[in-house]
Amino acid sequence: MSDLSVYRYDVAPIPPEEGGGYIVRFPDIPGCLGVGDTPEEAVEDGQQALFACLDALKAVDRPPPVASAPPA
């Protein structure tokens, strides 16, 4: 499964006291996240992180997680 659009992600602001910006999390892939100064930058970073997570799973012969719900 190489189509990243099947994975839902959440974008949330990071509080200023924690550095500010935005974070993207993929509920189906714990620990896979992206950050950026804007929501768009965070999504782009998150997509790169998702590629890396899926590549790492493939490298150890593990299947990619099944998407729990269609993206919003």
Protein backbone atom coordinates (compact mmCIF):
# COMPACT_ATOMS: atom_id res chain seq x y z
CA MET A 1 0.00 0.00 0.00
CA SER A 2 1.85 3.05 -1.19
CA ASP A 3 -1.05 5.52 -1.46
CA LEU A 4 -0.55 7.85 1.50
CA SER A 5 -4.00 9.35 1.04
CA VAL A 6 -5.56 6.35 2.79
CA TYR A 7 -4.07 7.34 6.15
CA ARG A 8 -5.97 9.83 8.25
CA TYR A 9 -3.93 12.51 9.99
CA ASP A 10 -4.64 15.16 12.59
CA VAL A 11 -3.13 18.65 12.61
CA ALA A 12 -2.92 20.52 15.91
CA PRO A 13 -1.21 23.66 17.15
CA ILE A 14 1.76 23.31 19.48
CA PRO A 15 1.42 25.64 22.49
CA PRO A 16 3.76 28.65 22.43
CA GLU A 17 5.36 27.55 25.72
CA GLU A 18 6.36 24.30 23.95
CA GLY A 19 7.88 26.10 20.96
CA GLY A 20 4.82 26.92 18.85
CA GLY A 21 4.04 25.75 15.35
CA TYR A 22 1.96 22.75 14.37
CA ILE A 23 2.13 18.98 14.70
CA VAL A 24 0.70 16.26 12.46
CA ARG A 25 -0.04 12.80 13.86
CA PHE A 26 -1.15 9.63 12.11
CA PRO A 27 -3.48 7.71 14.47
CA ASP A 28 -2.87 4.42 12.63
CA ILE A 29 0.92 4.73 12.94
CA PRO A 30 1.92 5.60 16.53
CA GLY A 31 5.06 7.67 16.76
CA CYS A 32 4.85 8.90 13.18
CA LEU A 33 4.54 12.67 13.21
CA GLY A 34 5.56 15.84 11.46
CA VAL A 35 6.06 19.41 12.64
CA GLY A 36 6.24 22.82 11.02
CA ASP A 37 5.75 26.53 11.53
CA THR A 38 2.50 26.42 9.53
CA PRO A 39 -0.12 23.70 9.10
CA GLU A 40 1.04 23.23 5.49
CA GLU A 41 4.68 22.77 6.54
CA ALA A 42 3.62 20.30 9.23
CA VAL A 43 1.61 18.26 6.70
CA GLU A 44 4.57 18.20 4.30
CA ASP A 45 6.91 17.08 7.08
CA GLY A 46 4.32 14.52 8.17
CA GLN A 47 4.17 13.07 4.65
CA GLN A 48 7.94 12.66 4.66
CA ALA A 49 7.76 11.01 8.08
CA LEU A 50 5.02 8.69 6.85
CA PHE A 51 7.14 7.62 3.87
CA ALA A 52 10.03 6.92 6.26
CA CYS A 53 7.82 4.93 8.66
CA LEU A 54 6.38 2.81 5.85
CA ASP A 55 9.86 2.25 4.38
CA ALA A 56 11.16 1.15 7.78
CA LEU A 57 8.32 -1.36 8.12
CA LYS A 58 9.02 -2.68 4.64
CA ALA A 59 12.74 -3.03 5.46
CA VAL A 60 11.91 -5.44 8.30
CA ASP A 61 9.26 -7.32 6.28
CA ARG A 62 6.31 -5.95 8.25
CA PRO A 63 3.10 -4.99 6.45
CA PRO A 64 1.91 -1.38 6.58
CA PRO A 65 -0.84 -0.66 9.09
CA VAL A 66 -4.41 -0.92 7.85
CA ALA A 67 -6.12 2.46 7.75
CA SER A 68 -8.82 2.58 10.42
CA ALA A 69 -10.98 5.19 8.69
CA PRO A 70 -10.97 7.16 5.47
CA PRO A 71 -9.18 10.51 5.66
CA ALA A 72 -11.32 13.51 6.51
